[in-house]
């Protein structure tokens, strides 16, 4: 596995396809990447709702965390 370095913004919402494109992953690769980053607390998955999109920062009490990365945006902490 090669190491790829890319810039991502903290608290910016990224879709799975955004990350797939940015890091040049295939479907399985991006799923593994997201799973690993979530396991280390680097990423959170949030539902793609107007309330979540309008948030300026992520607070654990306010964010509804989901397991479905395909349906929502992903935000770096």
C-alpha atoms as a PDB file:
ATOM      1  CA  UNK A   1       0.000   0.000   0.000  1.00  0.00           C
ATOM      2  CA  UNK A   2       1.429   3.368  -0.978  1.00  0.00           C
ATOM      3  CA  UNK A   3       1.200   6.423   1.247  1.00  0.00           C
ATOM      4  CA  UNK A   4      -0.823   9.331  -0.140  1.00  0.00           C
ATOM      5  CA  UNK A   5      -0.738  12.729   1.509  1.00  0.00           C
ATOM      6  CA  UNK A   6      -3.649  15.106   0.878  1.00  0.00           C
ATOM      7  CA  UNK A   7      -4.950  18.209   2.607  1.00  0.00           C
ATOM      8  CA  UNK A   8      -8.383  18.030   4.245  1.00  0.00           C
ATOM      9  CA  UNK A   9     -10.014  20.703   6.365  1.00  0.00           C
ATOM     10  CA  UNK A  10     -11.033  20.144   9.948  1.00  0.00           C
ATOM     11  CA  UNK A  11     -14.839  20.163  10.478  1.00  0.00           C
ATOM     12  CA  UNK A  12     -15.535  20.262   6.741  1.00  0.00           C
ATOM     13  CA  UNK A  13     -18.077  17.760   5.461  1.00  0.00           C
ATOM     14  CA  UNK A  14     -16.742  15.285   2.888  1.00  0.00           C
ATOM     15  CA  UNK A  15     -18.801  12.662   1.141  1.00  0.00           C
ATOM     16  CA  UNK A  16     -17.475   9.165   0.657  1.00  0.00           C
ATOM     17  CA  UNK A  17     -17.032   9.983  -3.034  1.00  0.00           C
ATOM     18  CA  UNK A  18     -15.042  13.122  -2.139  1.00  0.00           C
ATOM     19  CA  UNK A  19     -12.600  11.039  -0.096  1.00  0.00           C
ATOM     20  CA  UNK A  20     -12.511   8.315  -2.736  1.00  0.00           C
ATOM     21  CA  UNK A  21     -11.518  10.853  -5.372  1.00  0.00           C
ATOM     22  CA  UNK A  22      -9.129  12.878  -3.203  1.00  0.00           C
ATOM     23  CA  UNK A  23      -7.149   9.818  -2.054  1.00  0.00           C
ATOM     24  CA  UNK A  24      -7.510   7.797  -5.305  1.00  0.00           C
ATOM     25  CA  UNK A  25      -9.221   4.819  -3.661  1.00  0.00           C
ATOM     26  CA  UNK A  26     -11.436   2.164  -5.157  1.00  0.00           C
ATOM     27  CA  UNK A  27     -14.731   1.298  -3.400  1.00  0.00           C
ATOM     28  CA  UNK A  28     -13.210  -1.266  -1.028  1.00  0.00           C
ATOM     29  CA  UNK A  29     -10.226   0.948  -0.274  1.00  0.00           C
ATOM     30  CA  UNK A  30     -12.288   3.964   0.712  1.00  0.00           C
ATOM     31  CA  UNK A  31     -14.514   1.812   2.966  1.00  0.00           C
ATOM     32  CA  UNK A  32     -11.460   0.437   4.794  1.00  0.00           C
ATOM     33  CA  UNK A  33      -9.927   3.919   5.022  1.00  0.00           C
ATOM     34  CA  UNK A  34     -13.107   5.399   6.526  1.00  0.00           C
ATOM     35  CA  UNK A  35     -13.507   2.501   8.941  1.00  0.00           C
ATOM     36  CA  UNK A  36      -9.930   2.894  10.199  1.00  0.00           C
ATOM     37  CA  UNK A  37     -10.191   6.663  10.620  1.00  0.00           C
ATOM     38  CA  UNK A  38     -13.496   6.293  12.485  1.00  0.00           C
ATOM     39  CA  UNK A  39     -11.927   3.640  14.754  1.00  0.00           C
ATOM     40  CA  UNK A  40      -9.202   6.122  15.752  1.00  0.00           C
ATOM     41  CA  UNK A  41     -11.692   8.953  16.274  1.00  0.00           C
ATOM     42  CA  UNK A  42     -10.448  11.006  13.317  1.00  0.00           C
ATOM     43  CA  UNK A  43     -13.776  10.930  11.415  1.00  0.00           C
ATOM     44  CA  UNK A  44     -17.428  10.996  12.333  1.00  0.00           C
ATOM     45  CA  UNK A  45     -20.290  10.082  10.028  1.00  0.00           C
ATOM     46  CA  UNK A  46     -23.273  12.409  10.167  1.00  0.00           C
ATOM     47  CA  UNK A  47     -26.633  12.233   8.444  1.00  0.00           C
ATOM     48  CA  UNK A  48     -27.017  14.420   5.399  1.00  0.00           C
ATOM     49  CA  UNK A  49     -29.732  16.684   6.827  1.00  0.00           C
ATOM     50  CA  UNK A  50     -30.151  20.455   6.734  1.00  0.00           C
ATOM     51  CA  UNK A  51     -29.506  20.670  10.495  1.00  0.00           C
ATOM     52  CA  UNK A  52     -26.202  18.806  10.195  1.00  0.00           C
ATOM     53  CA  UNK A  53     -25.082  20.703   7.088  1.00  0.00           C
ATOM     54  CA  UNK A  54     -25.656  24.093   8.742  1.00  0.00           C
ATOM     55  CA  UNK A  55     -23.587  23.266  11.837  1.00  0.00           C
ATOM     56  CA  UNK A  56     -20.413  25.326  12.090  1.00  0.00           C
ATOM     57  CA  UNK A  57     -18.701  22.872  14.426  1.00  0.00           C
ATOM     58  CA  UNK A  58     -19.213  19.368  15.688  1.00  0.00           C
ATOM     59  CA  UNK A  59     -20.202  18.888  19.299  1.00  0.00           C
ATOM     60  CA  UNK A  60     -20.680  15.292  20.458  1.00  0.00           C
ATOM     61  CA  UNK A  61     -24.018  16.102  22.120  1.00  0.00           C
ATOM     62  CA  UNK A  62     -25.491  17.618  18.945  1.00  0.00           C
ATOM     63  CA  UNK A  63     -24.280  15.226  16.256  1.00  0.00           C
ATOM     64  CA  UNK A  64     -26.277  12.174  15.299  1.00  0.00           C
ATOM     65  CA  UNK A  65     -23.715   9.533  14.405  1.00  0.00           C
ATOM     66  CA  UNK A  66     -24.608   6.917  11.827  1.00  0.00           C
ATOM     67  CA  UNK A  67     -22.947   3.754  10.594  1.00  0.00           C
ATOM     68  CA  UNK A  68     -23.923   4.339   6.959  1.00  0.00           C
ATOM     69  CA  UNK A  69     -21.058   6.212   5.291  1.00  0.00           C
ATOM     70  CA  UNK A  70     -22.711   5.925   1.875  1.00  0.00           C
ATOM     71  CA  UNK A  71     -25.747   8.001   2.856  1.00  0.00           C
ATOM     72  CA  UNK A  72     -24.170  10.869   4.740  1.00  0.00           C
ATOM     73  CA  UNK A  73     -21.231  13.189   4.739  1.00  0.00           C
ATOM     74  CA  UNK A  74     -18.083  12.514   6.649  1.00  0.00           C
ATOM     75  CA  UNK A  75     -16.428  15.191   8.700  1.00  0.00           C
ATOM     76  CA  UNK A  76     -12.907  15.273  10.048  1.00  0.00           C
ATOM     77  CA  UNK A  77     -12.612  16.252  13.695  1.00  0.00           C
END
